[in-house]
Amino acid sequence: MAIIVNMVVMMAKRKMSLNELSETVNISLANLSKLKTGKVKAIRFSTLNAVCDALDCQLGDILENSEVNNA
C-alpha cells in the first residue's frame, strides 16, 4: 500500500504557493516540500490538521491510498 499526496492539487485549487502555505501553517518550507513530494515517513496529526485548515479541505482531499480494494 502506498499513500499518494495530492497537496499540490489542493494548493492549485486554492491558488496558494508553498511559501504561503508554509507561512500560514507555521511549518518549514523544507518539511512542507517533503510532504508535498511524498518523501516523508511520518507526519503529525496536528500538521495534517493545520494543512487541511489552511487549504479549507478534508484529509481525503490531500491524501489517498493508491490501492483500491475491489472486494
N, C-alpha and C. Protein backbone atom coordinates (compact mmCIF):
# COMPACT_ATOMS: atom_id res chain seq x y z
N MET A 1 0.85 -1.18 0.00
CA MET A 1 0.00 0.00 0.00
C MET A 1 0.89 1.23 0.00
N ALA A 2 0.54 2.17 -0.82
CA ALA A 2 1.26 3.44 -0.88
C ALA A 2 0.27 4.58 -0.70
N ILE A 3 0.73 5.62 -0.06
CA ILE A 3 -0.09 6.81 0.14
C ILE A 3 0.29 7.84 -0.90
N ILE A 4 -0.68 8.37 -1.59
CA ILE A 4 -0.44 9.41 -2.59
C ILE A 4 -0.81 10.75 -1.97
N VAL A 5 0.10 11.71 -2.09
CA VAL A 5 -0.13 13.04 -1.54
C VAL A 5 -0.59 13.95 -2.68
N ASN A 6 -1.80 14.48 -2.55
CA ASN A 6 -2.38 15.37 -3.57
C ASN A 6 -2.40 16.83 -3.11
N MET A 7 -1.47 17.19 -2.26
CA MET A 7 -1.45 18.54 -1.71
C MET A 7 -1.30 19.59 -2.81
N VAL A 8 -0.54 19.27 -3.83
CA VAL A 8 -0.31 20.22 -4.93
C VAL A 8 -1.63 20.57 -5.62
N VAL A 9 -2.50 19.57 -5.76
CA VAL A 9 -3.79 19.79 -6.41
C VAL A 9 -4.62 20.79 -5.61
N MET A 10 -4.67 20.58 -4.29
CA MET A 10 -5.45 21.49 -3.45
C MET A 10 -4.82 22.87 -3.39
N MET A 11 -3.50 22.93 -3.39
CA MET A 11 -2.83 24.23 -3.39
C MET A 11 -3.17 24.99 -4.67
N ALA A 12 -3.19 24.29 -5.78
CA ALA A 12 -3.52 24.94 -7.06
C ALA A 12 -4.97 25.42 -7.07
N LYS A 13 -5.88 24.60 -6.55
CA LYS A 13 -7.29 24.99 -6.48
C LYS A 13 -7.49 26.23 -5.62
N ARG A 14 -6.69 26.36 -4.57
CA ARG A 14 -6.79 27.49 -3.66
C ARG A 14 -5.87 28.65 -4.04
N LYS A 15 -5.13 28.44 -5.15
CA LYS A 15 -4.17 29.45 -5.63
C LYS A 15 -3.21 29.86 -4.51
N MET A 16 -2.66 28.85 -3.84
CA MET A 16 -1.74 29.09 -2.72
C MET A 16 -0.39 28.47 -3.04
N SER A 17 0.65 29.24 -2.87
CA SER A 17 2.00 28.74 -3.11
C SER A 17 2.50 27.98 -1.88
N LEU A 18 3.57 27.23 -2.06
CA LEU A 18 4.16 26.51 -0.94
C LEU A 18 4.67 27.48 0.11
N ASN A 19 5.19 28.62 -0.33
CA ASN A 19 5.66 29.64 0.62
C ASN A 19 4.50 30.19 1.45
N GLU A 20 3.38 30.47 0.81
CA GLU A 20 2.20 30.96 1.53
C GLU A 20 1.68 29.93 2.52
N LEU A 21 1.62 28.68 2.08
CA LEU A 21 1.16 27.62 2.97
C LEU A 21 2.10 27.46 4.16
N SER A 22 3.38 27.53 3.90
CA SER A 22 4.38 27.43 4.97
C SER A 22 4.19 28.51 6.01
N GLU A 23 3.96 29.73 5.56
CA GLU A 23 3.75 30.84 6.49
C GLU A 23 2.43 30.69 7.25
N THR A 24 1.39 30.23 6.56
CA THR A 24 0.08 30.10 7.17
C THR A 24 0.06 29.03 8.26
N VAL A 25 0.68 27.90 8.00
CA VAL A 25 0.64 26.80 8.97
C VAL A 25 1.84 26.78 9.90
N ASN A 26 2.78 27.70 9.68
CA ASN A 26 3.98 27.81 10.52
C ASN A 26 4.78 26.51 10.53
N ILE A 27 5.00 25.97 9.35
CA ILE A 27 5.81 24.76 9.16
C ILE A 27 6.88 25.12 8.14
N SER A 28 8.07 24.62 8.36
CA SER A 28 9.18 24.99 7.49
C SER A 28 8.90 24.61 6.04
N LEU A 29 9.44 25.41 5.15
CA LEU A 29 9.29 25.17 3.72
C LEU A 29 9.87 23.80 3.35
N ALA A 30 10.99 23.44 3.97
CA ALA A 30 11.63 22.15 3.69
C ALA A 30 10.71 20.98 4.06
N ASN A 31 10.08 21.07 5.23
CA ASN A 31 9.19 19.98 5.66
C ASN A 31 7.94 19.90 4.80
N LEU A 32 7.38 21.04 4.42
CA LEU A 32 6.20 21.02 3.54
C LEU A 32 6.56 20.50 2.16
N SER A 33 7.75 20.82 1.70
CA SER A 33 8.20 20.34 0.40
C SER A 33 8.32 18.82 0.42
N LYS A 34 8.84 18.27 1.49
CA LYS A 34 8.94 16.81 1.62
C LYS A 34 7.56 16.17 1.65
N LEU A 35 6.64 16.80 2.36
CA LEU A 35 5.27 16.28 2.41
C LEU A 35 4.64 16.34 1.03
N LYS A 36 4.82 17.45 0.35
CA LYS A 36 4.23 17.65 -0.98
C LYS A 36 4.70 16.58 -1.96
N THR A 37 5.96 16.18 -1.86
CA THR A 37 6.52 15.19 -2.78
C THR A 37 6.36 13.76 -2.28
N GLY A 38 5.78 13.60 -1.09
CA GLY A 38 5.55 12.27 -0.55
C GLY A 38 6.80 11.61 0.01
N LYS A 39 7.79 12.40 0.35
CA LYS A 39 9.07 11.85 0.83
C LYS A 39 9.18 11.87 2.36
N VAL A 40 8.05 11.78 3.03
CA VAL A 40 8.05 11.73 4.50
C VAL A 40 7.67 10.32 4.94
N LYS A 41 8.21 9.92 6.07
CA LYS A 41 7.88 8.60 6.64
C LYS A 41 6.76 8.70 7.65
N ALA A 42 6.61 9.88 8.26
CA ALA A 42 5.59 10.08 9.27
C ALA A 42 5.19 11.55 9.28
N ILE A 43 3.99 11.79 9.81
CA ILE A 43 3.51 13.17 9.92
C ILE A 43 2.58 13.25 11.12
N ARG A 44 2.66 14.33 11.83
CA ARG A 44 1.79 14.53 12.99
C ARG A 44 0.38 14.88 12.54
N PHE A 45 -0.59 14.42 13.33
CA PHE A 45 -1.97 14.77 13.05
C PHE A 45 -2.17 16.28 13.10
N SER A 46 -1.47 16.94 14.01
CA SER A 46 -1.62 18.39 14.12
C SER A 46 -1.14 19.09 12.85
N THR A 47 -0.12 18.54 12.21
CA THR A 47 0.37 19.10 10.95
C THR A 47 -0.66 18.90 9.85
N LEU A 48 -1.20 17.69 9.75
CA LEU A 48 -2.24 17.43 8.75
C LEU A 48 -3.45 18.33 8.97
N ASN A 49 -3.83 18.50 10.22
CA ASN A 49 -4.97 19.36 10.54
C ASN A 49 -4.70 20.80 10.12
N ALA A 50 -3.49 21.29 10.39
CA ALA A 50 -3.13 22.66 10.03
C ALA A 50 -3.15 22.85 8.51
N VAL A 51 -2.64 21.87 7.78
CA VAL A 51 -2.63 21.96 6.31
C VAL A 51 -4.06 21.95 5.78
N CYS A 52 -4.89 21.05 6.31
CA CYS A 52 -6.29 20.98 5.87
C CYS A 52 -7.03 22.27 6.19
N ASP A 53 -6.78 22.83 7.36
CA ASP A 53 -7.41 24.11 7.73
C ASP A 53 -7.00 25.21 6.76
N ALA A 54 -5.71 25.29 6.47
CA ALA A 54 -5.20 26.34 5.59
C ALA A 54 -5.73 26.20 4.17
N LEU A 55 -5.89 24.96 3.72
CA LEU A 55 -6.37 24.73 2.36
C LEU A 55 -7.89 24.56 2.29
N ASP A 56 -8.55 24.67 3.45
CA ASP A 56 -10.00 24.52 3.54
C ASP A 56 -10.46 23.25 2.83
N CYS A 57 -9.89 22.12 3.29
CA CYS A 57 -10.21 20.83 2.68
C CYS A 57 -10.26 19.75 3.73
N GLN A 58 -10.64 18.56 3.32
CA GLN A 58 -10.66 17.39 4.17
C GLN A 58 -9.38 16.59 3.94
N LEU A 59 -9.05 15.73 4.89
CA LEU A 59 -7.84 14.91 4.79
C LEU A 59 -7.82 14.10 3.50
N GLY A 60 -8.97 13.55 3.13
CA GLY A 60 -9.06 12.75 1.90
C GLY A 60 -8.80 13.55 0.64
N ASP A 61 -8.85 14.87 0.73
CA ASP A 61 -8.55 15.72 -0.43
C ASP A 61 -7.05 15.79 -0.70
N ILE A 62 -6.25 15.56 0.34
CA ILE A 62 -4.79 15.68 0.14
C ILE A 62 -4.05 14.35 0.25
N LEU A 63 -4.68 13.34 0.84
CA LEU A 63 -4.06 12.01 0.96
C LEU A 63 -5.00 10.95 0.42
N GLU A 64 -4.44 9.97 -0.28
CA GLU A 64 -5.25 8.86 -0.74
C GLU A 64 -4.42 7.59 -0.78
N ASN A 65 -5.10 6.48 -0.68
CA ASN A 65 -4.47 5.17 -0.76
C ASN A 65 -4.38 4.79 -2.23
N SER A 66 -3.21 4.35 -2.67
CA SER A 66 -3.04 4.06 -4.10
C SER A 66 -3.70 2.73 -4.50
N GLU A 67 -3.96 1.87 -3.54
CA GLU A 67 -4.60 0.60 -3.84
C GLU A 67 -6.07 0.66 -3.44
N VAL A 68 -6.91 0.44 -4.39
CA VAL A 68 -8.34 0.46 -4.12
C VAL A 68 -8.80 -0.98 -3.94
N ASN A 69 -9.49 -1.23 -2.85
CA ASN A 69 -9.98 -2.58 -2.56
C ASN A 69 -11.26 -2.83 -3.33
N ASN A 70 -11.22 -3.72 -4.29
CA ASN A 70 -12.40 -4.01 -5.10
C ASN A 70 -13.16 -5.22 -4.61
N ALA A 71 -12.91 -5.67 -3.43
CA ALA A 71 -13.59 -6.88 -2.90
C ALA A 71 -15.00 -6.58 -2.50
